Amino acid sequence: MRITATGWNRNAGENAIFDDDIFDIAPISRRKLEMMDRRKIENRTFAIFEDGSLTIARGPQELRLGGSYNIEVEFTEQDILFLFSECFGDKKLSEVIRLLADES
């Protein structure tokens, strides 16, 4: 997954905020992450799955972005397959189709 910020009014080039393979990231609970020592979190990436959503947490990330920016999130095919597997890997295809139909 790649997250970038590009200037909206004045483009000084792309700022990469995050660029890493998410399938290499170990899942963790939000509570456990909040209880960890900050030194153990530094320069590590965590995946928090809860209530049907995924949060990618990485720290610290130094940002010096003043003004307006266009934010882009790019997923590779492997990222999408990983997310699908994490969310629906224990379900049959017919269950997944039913869940998708219920959402629309």
C-alpha atoms as a PDB file:
ATOM      1  CA  MET A   1       0.000   0.000   0.000  1.00  0.00           C
ATOM      2  CA  ARG A   2       1.272   3.445  -0.875  1.00  0.00           C
ATOM      3  CA  ILE A   3      -0.049   6.739   0.517  1.00  0.00           C
ATOM      4  CA  THR A   4       1.187   9.965  -1.051  1.00  0.00           C
ATOM      5  CA  ALA A   5       0.434  13.668  -0.773  1.00  0.00           C
ATOM      6  CA  THR A   6       0.854  15.997  -3.757  1.00  0.00           C
ATOM      7  CA  GLY A   7       0.439  19.768  -3.585  1.00  0.00           C
ATOM      8  CA  TRP A   8      -3.038  20.969  -4.629  1.00  0.00           C
ATOM      9  CA  ASN A   9      -2.285  24.569  -5.623  1.00  0.00           C
ATOM     10  CA  ARG A  10       1.495  24.418  -5.847  1.00  0.00           C
ATOM     11  CA  ASN A  11       3.054  21.079  -6.717  1.00  0.00           C
ATOM     12  CA  ALA A  12       6.532  20.662  -5.221  1.00  0.00           C
ATOM     13  CA  GLY A  13       6.551  16.938  -5.915  1.00  0.00           C
ATOM     14  CA  GLU A  14       5.121  13.889  -4.263  1.00  0.00           C
ATOM     15  CA  ASN A  15       5.538  13.257  -0.529  1.00  0.00           C
ATOM     16  CA  ALA A  16       5.404   9.548   0.326  1.00  0.00           C
ATOM     17  CA  ILE A  17       3.667   9.152   3.680  1.00  0.00           C
ATOM     18  CA  PHE A  18       3.574   5.342   3.647  1.00  0.00           C
ATOM     19  CA  ASP A  19       4.979   2.776   1.223  1.00  0.00           C
ATOM     20  CA  ASP A  20       5.055  -0.814   2.452  1.00  0.00           C
ATOM     21  CA  ASP A  21       3.604  -4.258   1.764  1.00  0.00           C
ATOM     22  CA  ILE A  22       0.654  -4.665   4.112  1.00  0.00           C
ATOM     23  CA  PHE A  23       0.729  -8.459   3.956  1.00  0.00           C
ATOM     24  CA  ASP A  24       4.004  -8.334   5.926  1.00  0.00           C
ATOM     25  CA  ILE A  25       2.282  -6.471   8.768  1.00  0.00           C
ATOM     26  CA  ALA A  26       1.248  -8.430  11.852  1.00  0.00           C
ATOM     27  CA  PRO A  27      -2.263  -7.752  13.210  1.00  0.00           C
ATOM     28  CA  ILE A  28      -2.589  -6.219  16.682  1.00  0.00           C
ATOM     29  CA  SER A  29      -5.465  -4.983  18.829  1.00  0.00           C
ATOM     30  CA  ARG A  30      -5.853  -1.221  19.267  1.00  0.00           C
ATOM     31  CA  ARG A  31      -5.782  -1.648  23.037  1.00  0.00           C
ATOM     32  CA  LYS A  32      -2.491  -3.569  22.935  1.00  0.00           C
ATOM     33  CA  LEU A  33      -0.949  -0.992  20.589  1.00  0.00           C
ATOM     34  CA  GLU A  34      -1.985   1.879  22.891  1.00  0.00           C
ATOM     35  CA  MET A  35      -0.377   0.090  25.871  1.00  0.00           C
ATOM     36  CA  MET A  36       2.982  -0.502  24.124  1.00  0.00           C
ATOM     37  CA  ASP A  37       6.064   1.554  24.961  1.00  0.00           C
ATOM     38  CA  ARG A  38       6.576   4.222  22.276  1.00  0.00           C
ATOM     39  CA  ARG A  39      10.146   3.008  21.662  1.00  0.00           C
ATOM     40  CA  LYS A  40       8.773  -0.402  20.590  1.00  0.00           C
ATOM     41  CA  ILE A  41       6.379   1.258  18.140  1.00  0.00           C
ATOM     42  CA  GLU A  42       8.939   3.501  16.436  1.00  0.00           C
ATOM     43  CA  ASN A  43       9.489   2.701  12.747  1.00  0.00           C
ATOM     44  CA  ARG A  44       7.169  -0.323  12.880  1.00  0.00           C
ATOM     45  CA  THR A  45       3.883  -0.816  11.083  1.00  0.00           C
ATOM     46  CA  PHE A  46       0.790  -2.405  12.633  1.00  0.00           C
ATOM     47  CA  ALA A  47      -2.555  -3.578  11.244  1.00  0.00           C
ATOM     48  CA  ILE A  48      -5.595  -3.136  13.479  1.00  0.00           C
ATOM     49  CA  PHE A  49      -8.681  -5.119  12.405  1.00  0.00           C
ATOM     50  CA  GLU A  50     -11.838  -4.268  14.333  1.00  0.00           C
ATOM     51  CA  ASP A  51     -15.540  -3.916  13.613  1.00  0.00           C
ATOM     52  CA  GLY A  52     -15.105  -4.810   9.945  1.00  0.00           C
ATOM     53  CA  SER A  53     -12.470  -2.177   9.235  1.00  0.00           C
ATOM     54  CA  LEU A  54      -8.699  -2.063   8.917  1.00  0.00           C
ATOM     55  CA  THR A  55      -6.402   0.636  10.288  1.00  0.00           C
ATOM     56  CA  ILE A  56      -2.732   0.783   9.336  1.00  0.00           C
ATOM     57  CA  ALA A  57      -0.683   2.457  12.089  1.00  0.00           C
ATOM     58  CA  ARG A  58       2.939   3.527  11.743  1.00  0.00           C
ATOM     59  CA  GLY A  59       4.943   5.854  13.859  1.00  0.00           C
ATOM     60  CA  PRO A  60       6.456   8.236  13.962  1.00  0.00           C
ATOM     61  CA  GLN A  61       5.955   9.811  10.551  1.00  0.00           C
ATOM     62  CA  GLU A  62       7.326  13.319  10.223  1.00  0.00           C
ATOM     63  CA  LEU A  63       5.025  15.502   8.124  1.00  0.00           C
ATOM     64  CA  ARG A  64       5.639  19.087   7.164  1.00  0.00           C
ATOM     65  CA  LEU A  65       2.681  19.694   4.937  1.00  0.00           C
ATOM     66  CA  GLY A  66       1.331  23.228   4.882  1.00  0.00           C
ATOM     67  CA  GLY A  67      -1.494  24.116   2.515  1.00  0.00           C
ATOM     68  CA  SER A  68      -3.845  21.894   0.538  1.00  0.00           C
ATOM     69  CA  TYR A  69      -2.878  18.458  -0.703  1.00  0.00           C
ATOM     70  CA  ASN A  70      -4.296  15.717  -2.854  1.00  0.00           C
ATOM     71  CA  ILE A  71      -3.975  12.441  -0.901  1.00  0.00           C
ATOM     72  CA  GLU A  72      -3.766   9.177  -2.850  1.00  0.00           C
ATOM     73  CA  VAL A  73      -3.962   5.638  -1.484  1.00  0.00           C
ATOM     74  CA  GLU A  74      -2.719   2.938  -3.847  1.00  0.00           C
ATOM     75  CA  PHE A  75      -3.318  -0.772  -3.247  1.00  0.00           C
ATOM     76  CA  THR A  76      -1.418  -3.475  -5.107  1.00  0.00           C
ATOM     77  CA  GLU A  77      -3.213  -6.637  -6.208  1.00  0.00           C
ATOM     78  CA  GLN A  78      -1.461  -8.483  -3.360  1.00  0.00           C
ATOM     79  CA  ASP A  79      -2.745  -5.871  -0.876  1.00  0.00           C
ATOM     80  CA  ILE A  80      -6.317  -6.406  -2.072  1.00  0.00           C
ATOM     81  CA  LEU A  81      -6.016 -10.192  -1.896  1.00  0.00           C
ATOM     82  CA  PHE A  82      -4.513  -9.949   1.583  1.00  0.00           C
ATOM     83  CA  LEU A  83      -7.321  -7.691   2.822  1.00  0.00           C
ATOM     84  CA  PHE A  84      -9.969  -9.928   1.271  1.00  0.00           C
ATOM     85  CA  SER A  85      -8.383 -12.995   2.864  1.00  0.00           C
ATOM     86  CA  GLU A  86      -8.146 -11.322   6.282  1.00  0.00           C
ATOM     87  CA  CYS A  87     -11.783 -10.194   6.178  1.00  0.00           C
ATOM     88  CA  PHE A  88     -13.439 -13.174   4.494  1.00  0.00           C
ATOM     89  CA  GLY A  89     -10.919 -16.045   4.561  1.00  0.00           C
ATOM     90  CA  ASP A  90     -12.998 -18.145   6.937  1.00  0.00           C
ATOM     91  CA  LYS A  91     -16.251 -17.740   4.950  1.00  0.00           C
ATOM     92  CA  LYS A  92     -17.612 -19.612   1.950  1.00  0.00           C
ATOM     93  CA  LEU A  93     -17.939 -17.685  -1.313  1.00  0.00           C
ATOM     94  CA  SER A  94     -21.756 -17.854  -1.112  1.00  0.00           C
ATOM     95  CA  GLU A  95     -21.619 -16.145   2.324  1.00  0.00           C
ATOM     96  CA  VAL A  96     -19.362 -13.393   0.962  1.00  0.00           C
ATOM     97  CA  ILE A  97     -21.715 -12.782  -1.972  1.00  0.00           C
ATOM     98  CA  ARG A  98     -24.673 -12.591   0.417  1.00  0.00           C
ATOM     99  CA  LEU A  99     -22.810 -10.129   2.649  1.00  0.00           C
ATOM    100  CA  LEU A 100     -21.998  -7.926  -0.339  1.00  0.00           C
ATOM    101  CA  ALA A 101     -25.619  -8.053  -1.535  1.00  0.00           C
ATOM    102  CA  ASP A 102     -26.845  -7.028   1.943  1.00  0.00           C
ATOM    103  CA  GLU A 103     -24.557  -3.962   1.887  1.00  0.00           C
ATOM    104  CA  SER A 104     -25.961  -2.548  -1.364  1.00  0.00           C
END
